[in-house]
Amino acid sequence: KAQVQEGQVMLTEQEQFWKGEFGDQYVGRHKELDWRARVPFWRDIIDRTKAKSILEVGCNVGANLKAIRAVDPMIAAWGCDINQAALQEAADAGLSVVEVSVFDLKRVWLRERFDLVVTVGVLIHVAPADLYDAMGSIISASSRYVLAVEYADEQTVEVEYRGHAERLWRRPFGKLYEAKGLKIVAEFDAPADAFDRCRAFLCEKA
């Protein structure tokens, strides 16, 4: 369970896992990801939301931020992550990124709200005990829209991830956001060539 100490959130077991060597290996595997394949998806999302400011929580090396910038370089696009190797790659690409936990967004953006707050393959890695707080933090950082692009299922299903237990859960993210007061405005399969087998849930605050 995420806890606050000395004004900052202590990382959960899962976050420590992604911040460390396993996360560094993940960064290495995604350095060459073709972010251009994601441009049509982001063009559609930006057309739907008319977002002028976007925060991606768990931005990794910045593939989505690059695609967003390609669609509209005037959008104020920010990313955050906890893995320093990922953040360095994103920063070297000229992207605006911050090292901060999903549970601690208010420490960086205390009063600022984004038109759209996004996760792509991030909430699947949050432990059940921490998911409610993570989603609440994401919602609080948004002025209107929340987008989850995640592995989905009709119910929560734990999946072994590269030989590790308690590191990945498929979930009904649309229903979970609805339970937190959001309205689903679009739900569809994200392009498989760009987002593996993820489902996109675009939600709006009431």
C-alpha atoms as a PDB file:
ATOM      1  CA  LYS A   1       0.000   0.000   0.000  1.00  0.00           C
ATOM      2  CA  ALA A   2       1.373   3.419  -0.959  1.00  0.00           C
ATOM      3  CA  GLN A   3       2.257   5.545   2.068  1.00  0.00           C
ATOM      4  CA  VAL A   4       3.425   9.121   2.467  1.00  0.00           C
ATOM      5  CA  GLN A   5       6.683   9.861   4.259  1.00  0.00           C
ATOM      6  CA  GLU A   6       8.356  13.261   4.592  1.00  0.00           C
ATOM      7  CA  GLY A   7       6.005  14.822   2.052  1.00  0.00           C
ATOM      8  CA  GLN A   8       6.627  12.193  -0.611  1.00  0.00           C
ATOM      9  CA  VAL A   9       5.047   8.863  -1.406  1.00  0.00           C
ATOM     10  CA  MET A  10       7.028   5.747  -0.570  1.00  0.00           C
ATOM     11  CA  LEU A  11       7.108   3.526  -3.637  1.00  0.00           C
ATOM     12  CA  THR A  12       4.985   0.395  -3.623  1.00  0.00           C
ATOM     13  CA  GLU A  13       6.520  -3.039  -4.156  1.00  0.00           C
ATOM     14  CA  GLN A  14       5.451  -2.918  -7.809  1.00  0.00           C
ATOM     15  CA  GLU A  15       6.904   0.558  -8.319  1.00  0.00           C
ATOM     16  CA  GLN A  16      10.231  -0.468  -6.815  1.00  0.00           C
ATOM     17  CA  PHE A  17      10.253  -3.370  -9.282  1.00  0.00           C
ATOM     18  CA  TRP A  18       9.757  -1.016 -12.256  1.00  0.00           C
ATOM     19  CA  LYS A  19      12.167   1.587 -10.948  1.00  0.00           C
ATOM     20  CA  GLY A  20      14.949  -0.995 -10.695  1.00  0.00           C
ATOM     21  CA  GLU A  21      16.781  -3.392 -13.003  1.00  0.00           C
ATOM     22  CA  PHE A  22      13.650  -4.981 -14.471  1.00  0.00           C
ATOM     23  CA  GLY A  23      12.373  -1.549 -15.419  1.00  0.00           C
ATOM     24  CA  ASP A  24      15.726  -0.692 -16.998  1.00  0.00           C
ATOM     25  CA  GLN A  25      15.477  -3.862 -19.102  1.00  0.00           C
ATOM     26  CA  TYR A  26      11.964  -2.848 -20.145  1.00  0.00           C
ATOM     27  CA  VAL A  27      13.323   0.523 -21.260  1.00  0.00           C
ATOM     28  CA  GLY A  28      15.969  -1.229 -23.318  1.00  0.00           C
ATOM     29  CA  ARG A  29      13.331  -3.310 -25.088  1.00  0.00           C
ATOM     30  CA  HIS A  30      11.224  -0.242 -25.929  1.00  0.00           C
ATOM     31  CA  LYS A  31      13.889   2.177 -27.132  1.00  0.00           C
ATOM     32  CA  GLU A  32      13.278   1.209 -30.745  1.00  0.00           C
ATOM     33  CA  LEU A  33       9.474   1.232 -30.540  1.00  0.00           C
ATOM     34  CA  ASP A  34       8.010   2.830 -33.671  1.00  0.00           C
ATOM     35  CA  TRP A  35       6.086   5.705 -32.131  1.00  0.00           C
ATOM     36  CA  ARG A  36       4.930   6.819 -35.591  1.00  0.00           C
ATOM     37  CA  ALA A  37       2.542   3.861 -35.698  1.00  0.00           C
ATOM     38  CA  ARG A  38       0.667   5.486 -32.808  1.00  0.00           C
ATOM     39  CA  VAL A  39       0.075   8.837 -34.533  1.00  0.00           C
ATOM     40  CA  PRO A  40      -3.340   7.931 -36.072  1.00  0.00           C
ATOM     41  CA  PHE A  41      -4.603   6.757 -32.684  1.00  0.00           C
ATOM     42  CA  TRP A  42      -3.570   9.977 -30.991  1.00  0.00           C
ATOM     43  CA  ARG A  43      -4.990  12.078 -33.811  1.00  0.00           C
ATOM     44  CA  ASP A  44      -8.347  10.403 -33.183  1.00  0.00           C
ATOM     45  CA  ILE A  45      -8.141  10.938 -29.395  1.00  0.00           C
ATOM     46  CA  ILE A  46      -7.194  14.595 -29.813  1.00  0.00           C
ATOM     47  CA  ASP A  47     -10.018  15.115 -32.324  1.00  0.00           C
ATOM     48  CA  ARG A  48     -12.464  13.586 -29.837  1.00  0.00           C
ATOM     49  CA  THR A  49     -11.300  15.531 -26.778  1.00  0.00           C
ATOM     50  CA  LYS A  50      -9.920  18.779 -28.272  1.00  0.00           C
ATOM     51  CA  ALA A  51      -7.318  18.509 -25.511  1.00  0.00           C
ATOM     52  CA  LYS A  52      -4.799  21.336 -25.289  1.00  0.00           C
ATOM     53  CA  SER A  53      -2.926  19.853 -22.334  1.00  0.00           C
ATOM     54  CA  ILE A  54      -2.130  16.178 -21.786  1.00  0.00           C
ATOM     55  CA  LEU A  55      -0.359  14.281 -18.997  1.00  0.00           C
ATOM     56  CA  GLU A  56       0.806  10.714 -19.553  1.00  0.00           C
ATOM     57  CA  VAL A  57       1.328   8.857 -16.295  1.00  0.00           C
ATOM     58  CA  GLY A  58       3.997   6.203 -16.801  1.00  0.00           C
ATOM     59  CA  CYS A  59       5.382   7.660 -20.011  1.00  0.00           C
ATOM     60  CA  ASN A  60       8.441   5.378 -20.247  1.00  0.00           C
ATOM     61  CA  VAL A  61      10.725   6.565 -23.088  1.00  0.00           C
ATOM     62  CA  GLY A  62       8.058   8.878 -24.502  1.00  0.00           C
ATOM     63  CA  ALA A  63       6.604   7.057 -27.523  1.00  0.00           C
ATOM     64  CA  ASN A  64       3.125   8.440 -26.906  1.00  0.00           C
ATOM     65  CA  LEU A  65       4.386  11.939 -26.156  1.00  0.00           C
ATOM     66  CA  LYS A  66       6.282  11.921 -29.457  1.00  0.00           C
ATOM     67  CA  ALA A  67       3.133  10.869 -31.314  1.00  0.00           C
ATOM     68  CA  ILE A  68       1.074  13.560 -29.564  1.00  0.00           C
ATOM     69  CA  ARG A  69       3.685  16.161 -30.457  1.00  0.00           C
ATOM     70  CA  ALA A  70       3.555  15.003 -34.091  1.00  0.00           C
ATOM     71  CA  VAL A  71      -0.228  15.490 -34.172  1.00  0.00           C
ATOM     72  CA  ASP A  72      -0.104  18.970 -32.622  1.00  0.00           C
ATOM     73  CA  PRO A  73       3.163  20.473 -31.344  1.00  0.00           C
ATOM     74  CA  MET A  74       1.166  23.226 -29.608  1.00  0.00           C
ATOM     75  CA  ILE A  75      -0.348  20.797 -27.110  1.00  0.00           C
ATOM     76  CA  ALA A  76       1.201  21.108 -23.641  1.00  0.00           C
ATOM     77  CA  ALA A  77       2.238  17.457 -23.306  1.00  0.00           C
ATOM     78  CA  TRP A  78       3.890  16.207 -20.127  1.00  0.00           C
ATOM     79  CA  GLY A  79       4.955  12.783 -18.968  1.00  0.00           C
ATOM     80  CA  CYS A  80       5.928  11.297 -15.643  1.00  0.00           C
ATOM     81  CA  ASP A  81       7.584   8.044 -14.663  1.00  0.00           C
ATOM     82  CA  ILE A  82       9.599   6.540 -11.804  1.00  0.00           C
ATOM     83  CA  ASN A  83      12.314   4.857 -13.869  1.00  0.00           C
ATOM     84  CA  GLN A  84      15.287   7.171 -14.332  1.00  0.00           C
ATOM     85  CA  ALA A  85      16.584   5.416 -17.458  1.00  0.00           C
ATOM     86  CA  ALA A  86      13.205   5.943 -19.139  1.00  0.00           C
ATOM     87  CA  LEU A  87      13.068   9.565 -18.086  1.00  0.00           C
ATOM     88  CA  GLN A  88      16.571  10.194 -19.400  1.00  0.00           C
ATOM     89  CA  GLU A  89      15.638   8.753 -22.802  1.00  0.00           C
ATOM     90  CA  ALA A  90      12.510  10.912 -22.927  1.00  0.00           C
ATOM     91  CA  ALA A  91      14.356  14.036 -21.807  1.00  0.00           C
ATOM     92  CA  ASP A  92      17.089  13.438 -24.386  1.00  0.00           C
ATOM     93  CA  ALA A  93      14.342  13.414 -27.019  1.00  0.00           C
ATOM     94  CA  GLY A  94      13.299  16.894 -25.914  1.00  0.00           C
ATOM     95  CA  LEU A  95      10.160  15.807 -24.077  1.00  0.00           C
ATOM     96  CA  SER A  96       8.811  17.416 -20.890  1.00  0.00           C
ATOM     97  CA  VAL A  97       9.035  14.751 -18.188  1.00  0.00           C
ATOM     98  CA  VAL A  98       9.100  14.567 -14.394  1.00  0.00           C
ATOM     99  CA  GLU A  99      10.073  11.821 -11.957  1.00  0.00           C
ATOM    100  CA  VAL A 100       6.984  11.272  -9.831  1.00  0.00           C
ATOM    101  CA  SER A 101       4.789   8.388  -8.694  1.00  0.00           C
ATOM    102  CA  VAL A 102       1.200   7.982  -9.871  1.00  0.00           C
ATOM    103  CA  PHE A 103       0.184   8.340  -6.222  1.00  0.00           C
ATOM    104  CA  ASP A 104       2.019  11.645  -5.825  1.00  0.00           C
ATOM    105  CA  LEU A 105       0.902  13.729  -8.826  1.00  0.00           C
ATOM    106  CA  LYS A 106      -0.342  16.575  -6.649  1.00  0.00           C
ATOM    107  CA  ARG A 107       3.182  17.182  -5.384  1.00  0.00           C
ATOM    108  CA  VAL A 108       4.155  18.376  -8.876  1.00  0.00           C
ATOM    109  CA  TRP A 109       0.795  19.587 -10.179  1.00  0.00           C
ATOM    110  CA  LEU A 110      -0.862  20.884  -7.025  1.00  0.00           C
ATOM    111  CA  ARG A 111      -3.282  23.273  -8.734  1.00  0.00           C
ATOM    112  CA  GLU A 112      -2.766  22.575 -12.421  1.00  0.00           C
ATOM    113  CA  ARG A 113      -5.214  20.247 -14.164  1.00  0.00           C
ATOM    114  CA  PHE A 114      -4.804  18.665 -17.593  1.00  0.00           C
ATOM    115  CA  ASP A 115      -7.531  18.391 -20.225  1.00  0.00           C
ATOM    116  CA  LEU A 116      -6.605  14.729 -20.617  1.00  0.00           C
ATOM    117  CA  VAL A 117      -4.702  12.350 -18.319  1.00  0.00           C
ATOM    118  CA  VAL A 118      -3.527   9.117 -19.919  1.00  0.00           C
ATOM    119  CA  THR A 119      -2.161   5.721 -18.947  1.00  0.00           C
ATOM    120  CA  VAL A 120      -0.933   3.196 -21.510  1.00  0.00           C
ATOM    121  CA  GLY A 121      -0.099  -0.200 -20.046  1.00  0.00           C
ATOM    122  CA  VAL A 122       0.382   1.204 -16.561  1.00  0.00           C
ATOM    123  CA  LEU A 123      -2.696   0.424 -14.469  1.00  0.00           C
ATOM    124  CA  ILE A 124      -2.303  -3.264 -15.334  1.00  0.00           C
ATOM    125  CA  HIS A 125       0.823  -3.234 -13.178  1.00  0.00           C
ATOM    126  CA  VAL A 126      -0.769  -1.619 -10.096  1.00  0.00           C
ATOM    127  CA  ALA A 127      -1.547  -4.029  -7.258  1.00  0.00           C
ATOM    128  CA  PRO A 128      -5.218  -4.479  -6.303  1.00  0.00           C
ATOM    129  CA  ALA A 129      -4.692  -2.837  -2.913  1.00  0.00           C
ATOM    130  CA  ASP A 130      -3.316   0.298  -4.603  1.00  0.00           C
ATOM    131  CA  LEU A 131      -5.518   0.568  -7.698  1.00  0.00           C
ATOM    132  CA  TYR A 132      -8.263   2.697  -6.103  1.00  0.00           C
ATOM    133  CA  ASP A 133      -5.718   5.303  -4.952  1.00  0.00           C
ATOM    134  CA  ALA A 134      -3.895   5.300  -8.299  1.00  0.00           C
ATOM    135  CA  MET A 135      -7.084   5.894 -10.265  1.00  0.00           C
ATOM    136  CA  GLY A 136      -8.170   8.588  -7.827  1.00  0.00           C
ATOM    137  CA  SER A 137      -4.880  10.420  -8.274  1.00  0.00           C
ATOM    138  CA  ILE A 138      -5.226  10.239 -12.066  1.00  0.00           C
ATOM    139  CA  ILE A 139      -8.782  11.577 -11.936  1.00  0.00           C
ATOM    140  CA  SER A 140      -7.757  14.445  -9.658  1.00  0.00           C
ATOM    141  CA  ALA A 141      -5.099  15.545 -12.165  1.00  0.00           C
ATOM    142  CA  SER A 142      -7.687  15.836 -14.948  1.00  0.00           C
ATOM    143  CA  SER A 143     -10.005  18.739 -15.634  1.00  0.00           C
ATOM    144  CA  ARG A 144     -12.202  16.665 -17.971  1.00  0.00           C
ATOM    145  CA  TYR A 145     -10.953  13.471 -19.662  1.00  0.00           C
ATOM    146  CA  VAL A 146      -9.173  10.293 -18.553  1.00  0.00           C
ATOM    147  CA  LEU A 147      -7.912   7.704 -21.038  1.00  0.00           C
ATOM    148  CA  ALA A 148      -6.861   4.169 -20.117  1.00  0.00           C
ATOM    149  CA  VAL A 149      -5.208   2.021 -22.790  1.00  0.00           C
ATOM    150  CA  GLU A 150      -4.732  -1.250 -20.975  1.00  0.00           C
ATOM    151  CA  TYR A 151      -5.131  -5.023 -21.143  1.00  0.00           C
ATOM    152  CA  ALA A 152      -8.796  -5.555 -20.311  1.00  0.00           C
ATOM    153  CA  ASP A 153     -11.030  -8.368 -19.097  1.00  0.00           C
ATOM    154  CA  GLU A 154     -14.574  -8.761 -17.777  1.00  0.00           C
ATOM    155  CA  GLN A 155     -13.156  -9.302 -14.301  1.00  0.00           C
ATOM    156  CA  THR A 156      -9.778  -8.934 -12.621  1.00  0.00           C
ATOM    157  CA  VAL A 157      -7.412 -11.657 -13.809  1.00  0.00           C
ATOM    158  CA  GLU A 158      -3.818 -11.926 -12.624  1.00  0.00           C
ATOM    159  CA  VAL A 159      -1.358 -12.904 -15.362  1.00  0.00           C
ATOM    160  CA  GLU A 160       2.203 -14.104 -14.830  1.00  0.00           C
ATOM    161  CA  TYR A 161       4.519 -11.494 -16.316  1.00  0.00           C
ATOM    162  CA  ARG A 162       7.881 -12.696 -17.597  1.00  0.00           C
ATOM    163  CA  GLY A 163       8.098 -15.245 -14.811  1.00  0.00           C
ATOM    164  CA  HIS A 164       6.927 -12.871 -12.066  1.00  0.00           C
ATOM    165  CA  ALA A 165       3.737 -13.069  -9.997  1.00  0.00           C
ATOM    166  CA  GLU A 166       1.750 -10.038  -8.789  1.00  0.00           C
ATOM    167  CA  ARG A 167       3.055  -7.815 -11.576  1.00  0.00           C
ATOM    168  CA  LEU A 168       0.169  -7.741 -14.099  1.00  0.00           C
ATOM    169  CA  TRP A 169      -3.622  -7.797 -13.853  1.00  0.00           C
ATOM    170  CA  ARG A 170      -6.167  -7.567 -16.680  1.00  0.00           C
ATOM    171  CA  ARG A 171      -9.215  -5.628 -15.511  1.00  0.00           C
ATOM    172  CA  PRO A 172     -12.563  -4.072 -16.593  1.00  0.00           C
ATOM    173  CA  PHE A 173     -11.124  -0.567 -16.538  1.00  0.00           C
ATOM    174  CA  GLY A 174     -14.225   1.087 -17.967  1.00  0.00           C
ATOM    175  CA  LYS A 175     -16.414  -0.277 -15.179  1.00  0.00           C
ATOM    176  CA  LEU A 176     -13.796   0.650 -12.608  1.00  0.00           C
ATOM    177  CA  TYR A 177     -13.721   4.261 -13.782  1.00  0.00           C
ATOM    178  CA  GLU A 178     -17.521   4.322 -13.916  1.00  0.00           C
ATOM    179  CA  ALA A 179     -17.529   3.191 -10.285  1.00  0.00           C
ATOM    180  CA  LYS A 180     -15.432   6.254  -9.509  1.00  0.00           C
ATOM    181  CA  GLY A 181     -17.998   8.563 -11.082  1.00  0.00           C
ATOM    182  CA  LEU A 182     -16.692   8.908 -14.648  1.00  0.00           C
ATOM    183  CA  LYS A 183     -18.717   8.368 -17.822  1.00  0.00           C
ATOM    184  CA  ILE A 184     -17.379   6.233 -20.675  1.00  0.00           C
ATOM    185  CA  VAL A 185     -17.597   8.292 -23.869  1.00  0.00           C
ATOM    186  CA  ALA A 186     -15.727   5.792 -26.087  1.00  0.00           C
ATOM    187  CA  GLU A 187     -14.479   2.237 -25.768  1.00  0.00           C
ATOM    188  CA  PHE A 188     -12.643   0.386 -28.515  1.00  0.00           C
ATOM    189  CA  ASP A 189      -9.703  -1.868 -29.312  1.00  0.00           C
ATOM    190  CA  ALA A 190      -6.507   0.124 -29.754  1.00  0.00           C
ATOM    191  CA  PRO A 191      -4.604  -0.645 -32.998  1.00  0.00           C
ATOM    192  CA  ALA A 192      -2.918  -3.985 -32.389  1.00  0.00           C
ATOM    193  CA  ASP A 193       0.183  -3.093 -34.406  1.00  0.00           C
ATOM    194  CA  ALA A 194       0.821  -0.093 -32.176  1.00  0.00           C
ATOM    195  CA  PHE A 195      -0.579  -1.103 -28.770  1.00  0.00           C
ATOM    196  CA  ASP A 196      -0.425  -4.895 -28.682  1.00  0.00           C
ATOM    197  CA  ARG A 197      -3.842  -6.172 -27.527  1.00  0.00           C
ATOM    198  CA  CYS A 198      -4.935  -3.220 -25.428  1.00  0.00           C
ATOM    199  CA  ARG A 199      -8.427  -1.771 -25.154  1.00  0.00           C
ATOM    200  CA  ALA A 200      -8.976   1.970 -24.937  1.00  0.00           C
ATOM    201  CA  PHE A 201     -11.393   3.505 -22.446  1.00  0.00           C
ATOM    202  CA  LEU A 202     -11.991   7.235 -22.901  1.00  0.00           C
ATOM    203  CA  CYS A 203     -13.825   8.584 -19.861  1.00  0.00           C
ATOM    204  CA  GLU A 204     -15.188  12.007 -18.934  1.00  0.00           C
ATOM    205  CA  LYS A 205     -15.654  13.593 -15.530  1.00  0.00           C
ATOM    206  CA  ALA A 206     -19.221  14.448 -14.591  1.00  0.00           C
END
